[in-house]
Each structure stands twice: as structure tokens, then as C-alpha cells.
Amino acid sequence: MKEFKTILFASDFSENSAYAFEYARDLAIKYQALLLVVHVINEPVDLRGFYVPHISFETLEEEIEQGARKMMDKFCRTNLRDYDNYETFIVPGIPYDEIIKKAEDVSADLIVMGTHGRSGLDHVLFGSTAEKVLRKSPVPVMTIRYPD
């Protein structure tokens, strides 16, 4: 079996993501791998030309990033109490694209992520970040579906 030295976990901080994280963490512990926890701040919709009261776009982006950092800190405190071989990243962009870029940049051996298991119209309308990562990533991907 392949040895995993670097495992990238993509998190959206959902309950589904926390469930999938158990697999990433357990693999990292088993192989004593570096665990990279990545959260992508989806690029905000361009609201220029619209009236948005009391907040600038720069302030909005800063607040979103600060909120994501707080969620990342809480996520790691809750889920990584007994494992310290990890790094965290918060990056802006298109989630599937940034997950793949980060995995390539760090020479990850595996990407682990949760999937919502959407189907039908939901899947057509919202797409699936996990599916796009699966289709486009040169790095092996493990997806974990949250039990219904």
C-alpha cells in the first residue's frame, strides 16, 4: 500500500466535513503524515454597482476571512487535540480549483473531503465541489459521504 506523507483535507466546517475529517485524521495518525487542513473562501459575488449599506468590500472580505480563521481555530481545537503534525490554510477562490492547486503545491499524496451526496436538481443547480475535484485532480481523492 502507498505511504501517505502529506494528506490534504478540504473543509467547509459543516457537520459533513467534520465527519469526513475523522478519516483524514486517522490516516494521518496511522502514517504519521503531515495533515493540511484547507478552507476555501468562495470568491464573493461582485456587488459593484449595487447599494450595500454601511460596509466596504475590503471590510467585508476582511470580516469573512477573520470569521473563517475563527472557525478554523475552533475546528482544529475540537478535532486535533492529540495530533500536532498539521498546518492550516485559508485561501480565497473557487473551491475545487484552490483545493487542487494547494494539493499540487504541497505535493500531497491524498486529498480527503466530504461530499453531500446531492442528486437531481440540487446537483444540477449547485454542482459538487467534490465531484469537480475528483474529475480534475491529478492527486488521488478520497470522498466521504455523510450518512443520511
N, C-alpha and C. Protein backbone atom coordinates (compact mmCIF):
# COMPACT_ATOMS: atom_id res chain seq x y z
N MET A 1 0.84 -1.19 0.00
CA MET A 1 0.00 0.00 0.00
C MET A 1 0.88 1.24 0.00
N LYS A 2 0.41 2.27 -0.65
CA LYS A 2 1.14 3.53 -0.73
C LYS A 2 1.26 4.17 0.64
N GLU A 3 2.40 4.77 0.87
CA GLU A 3 2.59 5.53 2.12
C GLU A 3 2.14 6.95 1.89
N PHE A 4 1.43 7.48 2.84
CA PHE A 4 0.95 8.85 2.75
C PHE A 4 1.82 9.73 3.64
N LYS A 5 2.55 10.65 3.02
CA LYS A 5 3.39 11.57 3.79
C LYS A 5 2.71 12.90 4.01
N THR A 6 1.87 13.29 3.06
CA THR A 6 1.15 14.55 3.15
C THR A 6 -0.29 14.32 2.71
N ILE A 7 -1.22 14.62 3.62
CA ILE A 7 -2.65 14.46 3.35
C ILE A 7 -3.30 15.83 3.44
N LEU A 8 -4.01 16.20 2.38
CA LEU A 8 -4.72 17.47 2.37
C LEU A 8 -6.20 17.20 2.63
N PHE A 9 -6.73 17.90 3.62
CA PHE A 9 -8.15 17.79 3.93
C PHE A 9 -8.83 19.11 3.61
N ALA A 10 -9.88 19.07 2.79
CA ALA A 10 -10.63 20.27 2.43
C ALA A 10 -11.86 20.36 3.31
N SER A 11 -12.00 21.47 4.02
CA SER A 11 -13.09 21.62 4.98
C SER A 11 -13.98 22.81 4.63
N ASP A 12 -15.28 22.61 4.79
CA ASP A 12 -16.21 23.75 4.71
C ASP A 12 -16.85 24.00 6.08
N PHE A 13 -16.32 23.33 7.11
CA PHE A 13 -16.75 23.46 8.51
C PHE A 13 -18.16 22.94 8.77
N SER A 14 -18.72 22.19 7.85
CA SER A 14 -20.05 21.63 8.06
C SER A 14 -19.95 20.36 8.91
N GLU A 15 -21.10 19.86 9.32
CA GLU A 15 -21.15 18.60 10.07
C GLU A 15 -20.61 17.47 9.19
N ASN A 16 -20.94 17.52 7.92
CA ASN A 16 -20.45 16.54 6.96
C ASN A 16 -18.93 16.56 6.89
N SER A 17 -18.38 17.76 6.88
CA SER A 17 -16.93 17.93 6.81
C SER A 17 -16.26 17.38 8.07
N ALA A 18 -16.85 17.64 9.21
CA ALA A 18 -16.29 17.13 10.46
C ALA A 18 -16.29 15.60 10.47
N TYR A 19 -17.34 15.01 9.92
CA TYR A 19 -17.43 13.55 9.83
C TYR A 19 -16.31 13.01 8.94
N ALA A 20 -16.12 13.63 7.77
CA ALA A 20 -15.08 13.19 6.83
C ALA A 20 -13.69 13.39 7.42
N PHE A 21 -13.55 14.41 8.25
CA PHE A 21 -12.25 14.71 8.83
C PHE A 21 -11.71 13.56 9.67
N GLU A 22 -12.59 12.80 10.30
CA GLU A 22 -12.14 11.67 11.11
C GLU A 22 -11.30 10.71 10.27
N TYR A 23 -11.67 10.52 9.02
CA TYR A 23 -10.91 9.64 8.13
C TYR A 23 -9.54 10.24 7.83
N ALA A 24 -9.51 11.52 7.51
CA ALA A 24 -8.24 12.19 7.20
C ALA A 24 -7.31 12.16 8.41
N ARG A 25 -7.86 12.47 9.57
CA ARG A 25 -7.05 12.47 10.80
C ARG A 25 -6.52 11.08 11.11
N ASP A 26 -7.37 10.07 11.01
CA ASP A 26 -6.95 8.71 11.33
C ASP A 26 -5.87 8.22 10.36
N LEU A 27 -6.00 8.57 9.08
CA LEU A 27 -4.95 8.21 8.12
C LEU A 27 -3.64 8.93 8.45
N ALA A 28 -3.74 10.21 8.79
CA ALA A 28 -2.54 10.98 9.13
C ALA A 28 -1.85 10.38 10.35
N ILE A 29 -2.62 9.99 11.34
CA ILE A 29 -2.04 9.38 12.54
C ILE A 29 -1.40 8.04 12.18
N LYS A 30 -2.10 7.22 11.42
CA LYS A 30 -1.58 5.90 11.05
C LYS A 30 -0.25 6.00 10.31
N TYR A 31 -0.16 6.95 9.38
CA TYR A 31 1.05 7.08 8.55
C TYR A 31 1.99 8.18 9.06
N GLN A 32 1.65 8.78 10.18
CA GLN A 32 2.43 9.90 10.73
C GLN A 32 2.69 10.94 9.65
N ALA A 33 1.63 11.25 8.93
CA ALA A 33 1.70 12.18 7.80
C ALA A 33 1.44 13.61 8.25
N LEU A 34 1.94 14.53 7.47
CA LEU A 34 1.60 15.93 7.64
C LEU A 34 0.17 16.10 7.16
N LEU A 35 -0.67 16.67 8.01
CA LEU A 35 -2.08 16.88 7.67
C LEU A 35 -2.28 18.36 7.39
N LEU A 36 -2.74 18.66 6.20
CA LEU A 36 -3.00 20.05 5.81
C LEU A 36 -4.51 20.25 5.75
N VAL A 37 -5.00 21.20 6.53
CA VAL A 37 -6.42 21.48 6.57
C VAL A 37 -6.65 22.78 5.80
N VAL A 38 -7.43 22.69 4.74
CA VAL A 38 -7.64 23.83 3.84
C VAL A 38 -9.11 24.21 3.82
N HIS A 39 -9.36 25.50 3.95
CA HIS A 39 -10.71 26.04 3.77
C HIS A 39 -10.63 27.10 2.69
N VAL A 40 -11.53 27.00 1.71
CA VAL A 40 -11.55 27.98 0.63
C VAL A 40 -12.73 28.92 0.85
N ILE A 41 -12.40 30.21 0.90
CA ILE A 41 -13.44 31.23 0.95
C ILE A 41 -13.88 31.47 -0.48
N ASN A 42 -15.08 31.04 -0.77
CA ASN A 42 -15.60 31.18 -2.13
C ASN A 42 -15.57 32.64 -2.53
N GLU A 43 -15.04 32.92 -3.71
CA GLU A 43 -14.95 34.31 -4.15
C GLU A 43 -16.33 34.94 -4.09
N PRO A 44 -16.43 36.08 -3.42
CA PRO A 44 -17.75 36.70 -3.27
C PRO A 44 -18.28 37.19 -4.62
N VAL A 45 -19.59 37.24 -4.70
CA VAL A 45 -20.25 37.76 -5.89
C VAL A 45 -19.88 39.23 -6.03
N ASP A 46 -19.65 39.67 -7.22
CA ASP A 46 -19.30 41.06 -7.48
C ASP A 46 -20.54 41.93 -7.30
N LEU A 47 -20.56 42.75 -6.26
CA LEU A 47 -21.71 43.58 -5.96
C LEU A 47 -21.50 45.04 -6.36
N ARG A 48 -20.43 45.33 -7.09
CA ARG A 48 -20.22 46.71 -7.51
C ARG A 48 -21.41 47.17 -8.33
N GLY A 49 -21.82 48.39 -8.08
CA GLY A 49 -22.98 48.93 -8.78
C GLY A 49 -24.27 48.74 -8.00
N PHE A 50 -24.22 47.91 -6.95
CA PHE A 50 -25.38 47.72 -6.10
C PHE A 50 -25.15 48.48 -4.81
N TYR A 51 -26.22 48.88 -4.17
CA TYR A 51 -26.11 49.57 -2.89
C TYR A 51 -25.99 48.54 -1.77
N VAL A 52 -24.88 48.58 -1.09
CA VAL A 52 -24.67 47.72 0.07
C VAL A 52 -24.38 48.66 1.24
N PRO A 53 -25.31 48.81 2.16
CA PRO A 53 -25.17 49.83 3.20
C PRO A 53 -24.09 49.50 4.23
N HIS A 54 -23.38 50.55 4.65
CA HIS A 54 -22.51 50.52 5.83
C HIS A 54 -21.31 49.59 5.79
N ILE A 55 -20.90 49.12 4.65
CA ILE A 55 -19.74 48.24 4.66
C ILE A 55 -19.03 48.33 3.30
N SER A 56 -17.72 48.38 3.37
CA SER A 56 -16.95 48.39 2.13
C SER A 56 -16.61 46.95 1.75
N PHE A 57 -16.25 46.75 0.49
CA PHE A 57 -15.90 45.40 0.06
C PHE A 57 -14.66 44.90 0.77
N GLU A 58 -13.71 45.80 1.02
CA GLU A 58 -12.49 45.40 1.73
C GLU A 58 -12.82 44.95 3.14
N THR A 59 -13.71 45.69 3.80
CA THR A 59 -14.12 45.33 5.16
C THR A 59 -14.87 44.00 5.15
N LEU A 60 -15.72 43.82 4.17
CA LEU A 60 -16.47 42.57 4.06
C LEU A 60 -15.52 41.38 3.89
N GLU A 61 -14.55 41.51 3.00
CA GLU A 61 -13.58 40.43 2.78
C GLU A 61 -12.77 40.15 4.04
N GLU A 62 -12.36 41.21 4.75
CA GLU A 62 -11.60 41.03 5.99
C GLU A 62 -12.45 40.30 7.04
N GLU A 63 -13.72 40.70 7.16
CA GLU A 63 -14.59 40.05 8.14
C GLU A 63 -14.84 38.59 7.80
N ILE A 64 -15.00 38.30 6.53
CA ILE A 64 -15.20 36.90 6.11
C ILE A 64 -13.94 36.09 6.44
N GLU A 65 -12.77 36.64 6.16
CA GLU A 65 -11.53 35.92 6.46
C GLU A 65 -11.34 35.73 7.96
N GLN A 66 -11.62 36.77 8.75
CA GLN A 66 -11.50 36.65 10.20
C GLN A 66 -12.45 35.57 10.73
N GLY A 67 -13.68 35.56 10.21
CA GLY A 67 -14.65 34.54 10.61
C GLY A 67 -14.17 33.14 10.27
N ALA A 68 -13.59 33.00 9.07
CA ALA A 68 -13.07 31.69 8.65
C ALA A 68 -11.91 31.27 9.54
N ARG A 69 -11.04 32.19 9.91
CA ARG A 69 -9.91 31.85 10.80
C ARG A 69 -10.41 31.40 12.17
N LYS A 70 -11.43 32.07 12.69
CA LYS A 70 -12.01 31.66 13.97
C LYS A 70 -12.60 30.25 13.87
N MET A 71 -13.30 29.99 12.77
CA MET A 71 -13.89 28.66 12.59
C MET A 71 -12.80 27.61 12.44
N MET A 72 -11.71 27.95 11.74
CA MET A 72 -10.60 27.01 11.57
C MET A 72 -9.96 26.70 12.93
N ASP A 73 -9.73 27.75 13.73
CA ASP A 73 -9.14 27.55 15.06
C ASP A 73 -10.02 26.64 15.91
N LYS A 74 -11.32 26.89 15.91
CA LYS A 74 -12.24 26.06 16.69
C LYS A 74 -12.25 24.63 16.16
N PHE A 75 -12.28 24.48 14.83
CA PHE A 75 -12.28 23.16 14.21
C PHE A 75 -11.05 22.36 14.64
N CYS A 76 -9.89 23.00 14.61
CA CYS A 76 -8.65 22.31 14.97
C CYS A 76 -8.58 22.01 16.47
N ARG A 77 -9.02 22.95 17.30
CA ARG A 77 -9.04 22.69 18.75
C ARG A 77 -9.92 21.50 19.07
N THR A 78 -11.05 21.40 18.39
CA THR A 78 -12.01 20.33 18.65
C THR A 78 -11.53 18.99 18.10
N ASN A 79 -10.93 19.00 16.90
CA ASN A 79 -10.65 17.76 16.19
C ASN A 79 -9.20 17.32 16.18
N LEU A 80 -8.30 18.16 16.63
CA LEU A 80 -6.87 17.81 16.56
C LEU A 80 -6.18 17.96 17.92
N ARG A 81 -6.88 17.62 18.97
CA ARG A 81 -6.30 17.76 20.31
C ARG A 81 -5.05 16.91 20.49
N ASP A 82 -5.04 15.72 19.91
CA ASP A 82 -3.93 14.79 20.16
C ASP A 82 -2.99 14.64 18.97
N TYR A 83 -3.07 15.54 18.01
CA TYR A 83 -2.20 15.44 16.83
C TYR A 83 -1.69 16.83 16.49
N ASP A 84 -0.38 16.96 16.44
CA ASP A 84 0.17 18.31 16.20
C ASP A 84 0.95 18.45 14.90
N ASN A 85 0.95 17.41 14.06
CA ASN A 85 1.66 17.48 12.79
C ASN A 85 0.69 17.95 11.70
N TYR A 86 0.26 19.21 11.82
CA TYR A 86 -0.70 19.74 10.86
C TYR A 86 -0.44 21.22 10.60
N GLU A 87 -0.95 21.69 9.48
CA GLU A 87 -0.92 23.11 9.13
C GLU A 87 -2.30 23.47 8.59
N THR A 88 -2.65 24.73 8.71
CA THR A 88 -3.95 25.18 8.20
C THR A 88 -3.75 26.27 7.14
N PHE A 89 -4.70 26.31 6.23
CA PHE A 89 -4.67 27.31 5.16
C PHE A 89 -6.08 27.81 4.91
N ILE A 90 -6.19 29.13 4.79
CA ILE A 90 -7.45 29.74 4.37
C ILE A 90 -7.12 30.51 3.10
N VAL A 91 -7.77 30.13 2.01
CA VAL A 91 -7.46 30.75 0.73
C VAL A 91 -8.75 31.20 0.05
N PRO A 92 -8.70 32.33 -0.65
CA PRO A 92 -9.87 32.76 -1.42
C PRO A 92 -9.84 32.15 -2.81
N GLY A 93 -11.00 31.97 -3.40
CA GLY A 93 -11.04 31.49 -4.77
C GLY A 93 -12.19 30.56 -5.03
N ILE A 94 -12.07 29.83 -6.12
CA ILE A 94 -13.07 28.84 -6.49
C ILE A 94 -12.68 27.55 -5.79
N PRO A 95 -13.54 27.01 -4.93
CA PRO A 95 -13.14 25.90 -4.06
C PRO A 95 -12.43 24.74 -4.76
N TYR A 96 -13.02 24.15 -5.79
CA TYR A 96 -12.36 22.98 -6.40
C TYR A 96 -11.00 23.33 -6.98
N ASP A 97 -10.90 24.50 -7.57
CA ASP A 97 -9.66 24.93 -8.19
C ASP A 97 -8.56 25.15 -7.13
N GLU A 98 -8.91 25.81 -6.04
CA GLU A 98 -7.93 26.10 -4.99
C GLU A 98 -7.50 24.83 -4.25
N ILE A 99 -8.42 23.89 -4.06
CA ILE A 99 -8.08 22.62 -3.41
C ILE A 99 -7.05 21.87 -4.24
N ILE A 100 -7.28 21.80 -5.53
CA ILE A 100 -6.34 21.11 -6.42
C ILE A 100 -5.00 21.84 -6.46
N LYS A 101 -5.02 23.16 -6.58
CA LYS A 101 -3.77 23.94 -6.61
C LYS A 101 -2.95 23.71 -5.35
N LYS A 102 -3.61 23.75 -4.20
CA LYS A 102 -2.90 23.57 -2.94
C LYS A 102 -2.32 22.17 -2.86
N ALA A 103 -3.08 21.17 -3.26
CA ALA A 103 -2.59 19.79 -3.23
C ALA A 103 -1.36 19.63 -4.11
N GLU A 104 -1.37 20.26 -5.28
CA GLU A 104 -0.21 20.20 -6.16
C GLU A 104 0.97 20.97 -5.59
N ASP A 105 0.70 22.16 -5.03
CA ASP A 105 1.77 22.99 -4.47
C ASP A 105 2.53 22.30 -3.35
N VAL A 106 1.82 21.51 -2.54
CA VAL A 106 2.45 20.87 -1.38
C VAL A 106 2.82 19.42 -1.66
N SER A 107 2.63 18.98 -2.89
CA SER A 107 2.90 17.58 -3.28
C SER A 107 2.15 16.60 -2.38
N ALA A 108 0.86 16.86 -2.19
CA ALA A 108 0.04 15.98 -1.36
C ALA A 108 -0.06 14.60 -2.01
N ASP A 109 -0.12 13.59 -1.16
CA ASP A 109 -0.28 12.22 -1.62
C ASP A 109 -1.75 11.83 -1.74
N LEU A 110 -2.62 12.60 -1.04
CA LEU A 110 -4.04 12.27 -1.00
C LEU A 110 -4.82 13.51 -0.61
N ILE A 111 -5.98 13.68 -1.24
CA ILE A 111 -6.95 14.70 -0.85
C ILE A 111 -8.12 13.97 -0.23
N VAL A 112 -8.56 14.42 0.94
CA VAL A 112 -9.73 13.83 1.59
C VAL A 112 -10.77 14.94 1.76
N MET A 113 -12.00 14.62 1.41
CA MET A 113 -13.05 15.62 1.56
C MET A 113 -14.41 14.95 1.68
N GLY A 114 -15.33 15.64 2.31
CA GLY A 114 -16.69 15.14 2.44
C GLY A 114 -17.49 15.48 1.20
N THR A 115 -18.56 14.73 1.01
CA THR A 115 -19.48 15.04 -0.07
C THR A 115 -20.90 15.01 0.48
N HIS A 116 -21.72 15.88 -0.04
CA HIS A 116 -23.09 15.99 0.45
C HIS A 116 -24.02 14.96 -0.16
N GLY A 117 -23.60 14.34 -1.25
CA GLY A 117 -24.44 13.33 -1.87
C GLY A 117 -25.68 13.91 -2.53
N ARG A 118 -25.57 15.14 -3.04
CA ARG A 118 -26.71 15.73 -3.73
C ARG A 118 -27.00 14.97 -5.01
N SER A 119 -28.26 14.99 -5.40
CA SER A 119 -28.63 14.37 -6.66
C SER A 119 -29.73 15.20 -7.31
N GLY A 120 -30.07 14.85 -8.51
CA GLY A 120 -31.17 15.50 -9.20
C GLY A 120 -30.95 16.99 -9.42
N LEU A 121 -32.01 17.75 -9.20
CA LEU A 121 -31.98 19.19 -9.45
C LEU A 121 -30.98 19.91 -8.55
N ASP A 122 -30.88 19.49 -7.30
CA ASP A 122 -29.89 20.07 -6.38
C ASP A 122 -28.50 19.99 -6.99
N HIS A 123 -28.16 18.81 -7.51
CA HIS A 123 -26.83 18.61 -8.08
C HIS A 123 -26.62 19.48 -9.31
N VAL A 124 -27.65 19.58 -10.15
CA VAL A 124 -27.55 20.39 -11.36
C VAL A 124 -27.38 21.86 -11.00
N LEU A 125 -28.14 22.35 -10.02
CA LEU A 125 -28.09 23.76 -9.66
C LEU A 125 -26.82 24.14 -8.90
N PHE A 126 -26.42 23.31 -7.95
CA PHE A 126 -25.32 23.67 -7.07
C PHE A 126 -24.00 23.01 -7.46
N GLY A 127 -24.05 21.96 -8.27
CA GLY A 127 -22.83 21.27 -8.63
C GLY A 127 -22.25 20.57 -7.42
N SER A 128 -21.06 20.10 -7.56
CA SER A 128 -20.42 19.43 -6.45
C SER A 128 -18.93 19.73 -6.48
N THR A 129 -18.47 20.37 -5.44
CA THR A 129 -17.03 20.65 -5.34
C THR A 129 -16.27 19.33 -5.34
N ALA A 130 -16.76 18.36 -4.59
CA ALA A 130 -16.07 17.07 -4.52
C ALA A 130 -15.99 16.42 -5.90
N GLU A 131 -17.09 16.48 -6.65
CA GLU A 131 -17.08 15.87 -7.98
C GLU A 131 -16.07 16.57 -8.89
N LYS A 132 -16.00 17.88 -8.82
CA LYS A 132 -15.07 18.62 -9.67
C LYS A 132 -13.63 18.31 -9.28
N VAL A 133 -13.37 18.17 -7.98
CA VAL A 133 -12.02 17.80 -7.55
C VAL A 133 -11.70 16.40 -8.06
N LEU A 134 -12.65 15.47 -7.92
CA LEU A 134 -12.44 14.10 -8.40
C LEU A 134 -12.11 14.07 -9.90
N ARG A 135 -12.83 14.84 -10.67
CA ARG A 135 -12.65 14.82 -12.13
C ARG A 135 -11.35 15.48 -12.59
N LYS A 136 -10.91 16.51 -11.87
CA LYS A 136 -9.81 17.33 -12.36
C LYS A 136 -8.47 17.13 -11.65
N SER A 137 -8.48 16.51 -10.49
CA SER A 137 -7.27 16.41 -9.69
C SER A 137 -6.32 15.32 -10.17
N PRO A 138 -5.02 15.66 -10.32
CA PRO A 138 -4.03 14.63 -10.60
C PRO A 138 -3.63 13.87 -9.33
N VAL A 139 -4.05 14.41 -8.18
CA VAL A 139 -3.76 13.79 -6.88
C VAL A 139 -4.93 12.87 -6.53
N PRO A 140 -4.69 11.66 -6.00
CA PRO A 140 -5.79 10.78 -5.60
C PRO A 140 -6.71 11.47 -4.59
N VAL A 141 -8.00 11.19 -4.72
CA VAL A 141 -9.02 11.84 -3.89
C VAL A 141 -9.86 10.77 -3.19
N MET A 142 -10.05 10.95 -1.90
CA MET A 142 -10.96 10.09 -1.13
C MET A 142 -12.13 10.96 -0.70
N THR A 143 -13.34 10.56 -1.07
CA THR A 143 -14.51 11.30 -0.63
C THR A 143 -15.28 10.46 0.38
N ILE A 144 -15.81 11.16 1.37
CA ILE A 144 -16.55 10.51 2.44
C ILE A 144 -17.96 11.11 2.44
N ARG A 145 -18.94 10.24 2.28
CA ARG A 145 -20.33 10.72 2.29
C ARG A 145 -20.88 10.62 3.70
N TYR A 146 -21.49 11.68 4.13
CA TYR A 146 -22.12 11.72 5.44
C TYR A 146 -23.34 10.81 5.44
N PRO A 147 -23.47 9.94 6.43
CA PRO A 147 -24.62 9.03 6.46
C PRO A 147 -25.93 9.81 6.65
N ASP A 148 -26.93 9.43 5.89
CA ASP A 148 -28.24 10.12 5.99
C ASP A 148 -28.95 9.76 7.25
